[in-house]
Structures are given as C-alpha cells and as structure tokens.
Amino acid sequence: MTTLLVAGATGDLGRRIVRELLAAHPEALVRVLTRPGSGTAQALFGEQDRVEVREAAYTDHAGLVAALSGTDVVVSAVSGARTVVLDAQRALLAAAVEAGVARFVPRAPTG
C-alpha cells in the first residue's frame, strides 16, 4: 500500500489534493500533516478510514521526521507568505530525506 502525506491539507488547495488523491488512489493511505493542537484536520478528514492525521510543527525537526516516517510521497500544499512557504518546505524536505521518503512534491511559492 502506498502512503502519501499532504502538508497544508486544511487549506483550500490541500483539501482538493487530498480529495483527488483519495479518488485516484483507492488503495493508498493518505496522511495529513497538521500543527499540534489544531482540530481542523480531524474535523475535515477524521471520519474517512483511509486518512490519518499526523501532528508536527515545521520548527520541530524530530517531530517532522516522526510524522513522515513510513511515508512514500510527501506533497506540499503549504500556504502563506513566500518566506513561510519556503521555510516550511525546507524543513519538510530535510525531514523527508531523514525519514527515507522516496518522493517530495513541492509547492511553488507565490508572491
């Protein structure tokens, strides 16, 4: 079974990506990464049996590595100011490499 993780899954783009991944890959497990203490991801995706919520702050490298562990593909839908997106994606990429993630799909920063 392929395991995909979407960072920024609670935003507009992220929600769409999660829906499309679930539809296109019926055998896959889709993980959504959310900030610790945020209930938004659980409220949006908690009732879907192929969605798993993982919590980690982008500033917590060890937490990100743990959240990404066992993931095959990371898709970034992180949004915000250009520097926020770039910093978050750098942190995600470093954690993905350490966690052994095979593929990282970044979001192009805007603005």
C-alpha atoms as a PDB file:
ATOM      1  CA  MET A   1       0.000   0.000   0.000  1.00  0.00           C
ATOM      2  CA  THR A   2       1.306   3.441  -0.933  1.00  0.00           C
ATOM      3  CA  THR A   3       1.348   6.047   1.821  1.00  0.00           C
ATOM      4  CA  LEU A   4       1.015   9.681   0.813  1.00  0.00           C
ATOM      5  CA  LEU A   5       1.281  12.684   3.129  1.00  0.00           C
ATOM      6  CA  VAL A   6      -0.157  16.120   2.367  1.00  0.00           C
ATOM      7  CA  ALA A   7       1.274  19.094   4.238  1.00  0.00           C
ATOM      8  CA  GLY A   8      -1.087  22.059   4.287  1.00  0.00           C
ATOM      9  CA  ALA A   9      -4.073  19.761   3.838  1.00  0.00           C
ATOM     10  CA  THR A  10      -6.508  22.026   5.684  1.00  0.00           C
ATOM     11  CA  GLY A  11      -6.132  24.876   3.185  1.00  0.00           C
ATOM     12  CA  ASP A  12      -8.183  25.163   0.004  1.00  0.00           C
ATOM     13  CA  LEU A  13      -5.535  23.630  -2.264  1.00  0.00           C
ATOM     14  CA  GLY A  14      -4.609  20.968   0.281  1.00  0.00           C
ATOM     15  CA  ARG A  15      -8.213  19.817   0.706  1.00  0.00           C
ATOM     16  CA  ARG A  16      -8.559  19.473  -3.050  1.00  0.00           C
ATOM     17  CA  ILE A  17      -5.327  17.489  -3.263  1.00  0.00           C
ATOM     18  CA  VAL A  18      -6.479  15.113  -0.502  1.00  0.00           C
ATOM     19  CA  ARG A  19      -9.823  14.546  -2.262  1.00  0.00           C
ATOM     20  CA  GLU A  20      -8.100  13.882  -5.598  1.00  0.00           C
ATOM     21  CA  LEU A  21      -5.539  11.518  -4.077  1.00  0.00           C
ATOM     22  CA  LEU A  22      -8.283   9.524  -2.362  1.00  0.00           C
ATOM     23  CA  ALA A  23     -10.243   9.270  -5.618  1.00  0.00           C
ATOM     24  CA  ALA A  24      -7.248   8.483  -7.842  1.00  0.00           C
ATOM     25  CA  HIS A  25      -5.546   6.020  -5.491  1.00  0.00           C
ATOM     26  CA  PRO A  26      -8.216   3.863  -3.803  1.00  0.00           C
ATOM     27  CA  GLU A  27      -5.550   1.569  -2.336  1.00  0.00           C
ATOM     28  CA  ALA A  28      -3.487   4.378  -0.784  1.00  0.00           C
ATOM     29  CA  LEU A  29      -3.356   5.677   2.760  1.00  0.00           C
ATOM     30  CA  VAL A  30      -3.409   9.482   2.814  1.00  0.00           C
ATOM     31  CA  ARG A  31      -1.850  11.187   5.805  1.00  0.00           C
ATOM     32  CA  VAL A  32      -2.485  14.844   6.536  1.00  0.00           C
ATOM     33  CA  LEU A  33       0.048  16.897   8.457  1.00  0.00           C
ATOM     34  CA  THR A  34      -1.299  19.481  10.873  1.00  0.00           C
ATOM     35  CA  ARG A  35       0.043  21.708  13.609  1.00  0.00           C
ATOM     36  CA  PRO A  36      -0.108  20.268  17.130  1.00  0.00           C
ATOM     37  CA  GLY A  37      -3.353  21.144  18.866  1.00  0.00           C
ATOM     38  CA  SER A  38      -5.236  22.067  15.699  1.00  0.00           C
ATOM     39  CA  GLY A  39      -8.503  20.186  15.391  1.00  0.00           C
ATOM     40  CA  THR A  40      -9.166  21.312  11.820  1.00  0.00           C
ATOM     41  CA  ALA A  41      -7.670  18.271  10.070  1.00  0.00           C
ATOM     42  CA  GLN A  42      -9.526  15.886  12.350  1.00  0.00           C
ATOM     43  CA  ALA A  43     -12.781  17.769  11.713  1.00  0.00           C
ATOM     44  CA  LEU A  44     -12.246  17.737   7.934  1.00  0.00           C
ATOM     45  CA  PHE A  45     -10.907  14.224   7.446  1.00  0.00           C
ATOM     46  CA  GLY A  46     -11.369  12.300  10.700  1.00  0.00           C
ATOM     47  CA  GLU A  47     -14.266  10.156   9.530  1.00  0.00           C
ATOM     48  CA  GLN A  48     -12.512   8.847   6.424  1.00  0.00           C
ATOM     49  CA  ASP A  49     -10.923   5.470   7.078  1.00  0.00           C
ATOM     50  CA  ARG A  50      -8.084   5.982   4.559  1.00  0.00           C
ATOM     51  CA  VAL A  51      -6.999   9.295   6.085  1.00  0.00           C
ATOM     52  CA  GLU A  52      -4.637   9.510   9.036  1.00  0.00           C
ATOM     53  CA  VAL A  53      -3.891  12.782  10.845  1.00  0.00           C
ATOM     54  CA  ARG A  54      -0.273  13.404  11.861  1.00  0.00           C
ATOM     55  CA  GLU A  55       0.791  16.357  14.026  1.00  0.00           C
ATOM     56  CA  ALA A  56       4.110  18.223  13.909  1.00  0.00           C
ATOM     57  CA  ALA A  57       5.385  21.781  13.893  1.00  0.00           C
ATOM     58  CA  TYR A  58       7.604  22.819  10.997  1.00  0.00           C
ATOM     59  CA  THR A  59      10.126  24.063  13.563  1.00  0.00           C
ATOM     60  CA  ASP A  60      10.352  20.619  15.219  1.00  0.00           C
ATOM     61  CA  HIS A  61      12.703  18.546  13.049  1.00  0.00           C
ATOM     62  CA  ALA A  62      12.421  15.371  15.151  1.00  0.00           C
ATOM     63  CA  GLY A  63       8.629  15.700  15.208  1.00  0.00           C
ATOM     64  CA  LEU A  64       8.523  16.109  11.428  1.00  0.00           C
ATOM     65  CA  VAL A  65      10.766  13.074  10.911  1.00  0.00           C
ATOM     66  CA  ALA A  66       8.455  11.020  13.137  1.00  0.00           C
ATOM     67  CA  ALA A  67       5.346  12.311  11.319  1.00  0.00           C
ATOM     68  CA  LEU A  68       6.847  11.484   7.912  1.00  0.00           C
ATOM     69  CA  SER A  69       8.177   8.075   8.928  1.00  0.00           C
ATOM     70  CA  GLY A  70       6.724   5.306   6.777  1.00  0.00           C
ATOM     71  CA  THR A  71       5.569   7.742   4.086  1.00  0.00           C
ATOM     72  CA  ASP A  72       6.320   7.108   0.405  1.00  0.00           C
ATOM     73  CA  VAL A  73       5.409  10.516  -1.034  1.00  0.00           C
ATOM     74  CA  VAL A  74       5.131  13.971   0.563  1.00  0.00           C
ATOM     75  CA  VAL A  75       3.015  16.572  -1.239  1.00  0.00           C
ATOM     76  CA  SER A  76       3.346  20.155  -0.045  1.00  0.00           C
ATOM     77  CA  ALA A  77       0.307  22.420  -0.220  1.00  0.00           C
ATOM     78  CA  VAL A  78       1.715  24.755   2.423  1.00  0.00           C
ATOM     79  CA  SER A  79       0.399  28.285   2.000  1.00  0.00           C
ATOM     80  CA  GLY A  80       1.272  31.695   3.344  1.00  0.00           C
ATOM     81  CA  ALA A  81       3.870  34.338   2.688  1.00  0.00           C
ATOM     82  CA  ARG A  82       6.700  33.340   0.368  1.00  0.00           C
ATOM     83  CA  THR A  83       9.227  33.051   3.212  1.00  0.00           C
ATOM     84  CA  VAL A  84       6.809  30.960   5.291  1.00  0.00           C
ATOM     85  CA  VAL A  85       6.258  28.539   2.411  1.00  0.00           C
ATOM     86  CA  LEU A  86       9.976  28.284   1.634  1.00  0.00           C
ATOM     87  CA  ASP A  87      10.974  27.779   5.282  1.00  0.00           C
ATOM     88  CA  ALA A  88       8.266  25.149   5.815  1.00  0.00           C
ATOM     89  CA  GLN A  89       9.247  23.292   2.649  1.00  0.00           C
ATOM     90  CA  ARG A  90      12.929  23.330   3.586  1.00  0.00           C
ATOM     91  CA  ALA A  91      12.010  21.818   6.943  1.00  0.00           C
ATOM     92  CA  LEU A  92       9.723  19.253   5.287  1.00  0.00           C
ATOM     93  CA  LEU A  93      12.357  18.285   2.731  1.00  0.00           C
ATOM     94  CA  ALA A  94      15.083  17.839   5.357  1.00  0.00           C
ATOM     95  CA  ALA A  95      12.749  15.686   7.461  1.00  0.00           C
ATOM     96  CA  ALA A  96      11.611  13.712   4.397  1.00  0.00           C
ATOM     97  CA  VAL A  97      15.204  12.876   3.484  1.00  0.00           C
ATOM     98  CA  GLU A  98      15.935  11.726   7.032  1.00  0.00           C
ATOM     99  CA  ALA A  99      12.690   9.713   7.189  1.00  0.00           C
ATOM    100  CA  GLY A 100      13.516   7.921   3.925  1.00  0.00           C
ATOM    101  CA  VAL A 101      10.649   9.378   1.884  1.00  0.00           C
ATOM    102  CA  ALA A 102      11.088   8.413  -1.778  1.00  0.00           C
ATOM    103  CA  ARG A 103       9.438  11.448  -3.396  1.00  0.00           C
ATOM    104  CA  PHE A 104       8.814  15.073  -2.402  1.00  0.00           C
ATOM    105  CA  VAL A 105       6.402  17.251  -4.401  1.00  0.00           C
ATOM    106  CA  PRO A 106       6.913  20.929  -3.505  1.00  0.00           C
ATOM    107  CA  ARG A 107       4.506  23.790  -3.930  1.00  0.00           C
ATOM    108  CA  ALA A 108       5.814  26.704  -5.956  1.00  0.00           C
ATOM    109  CA  PRO A 109       5.818  29.785  -3.740  1.00  0.00           C
ATOM    110  CA  THR A 110       3.694  32.706  -4.869  1.00  0.00           C
ATOM    111  CA  GLY A 111       4.032  36.421  -4.334  1.00  0.00           C
END
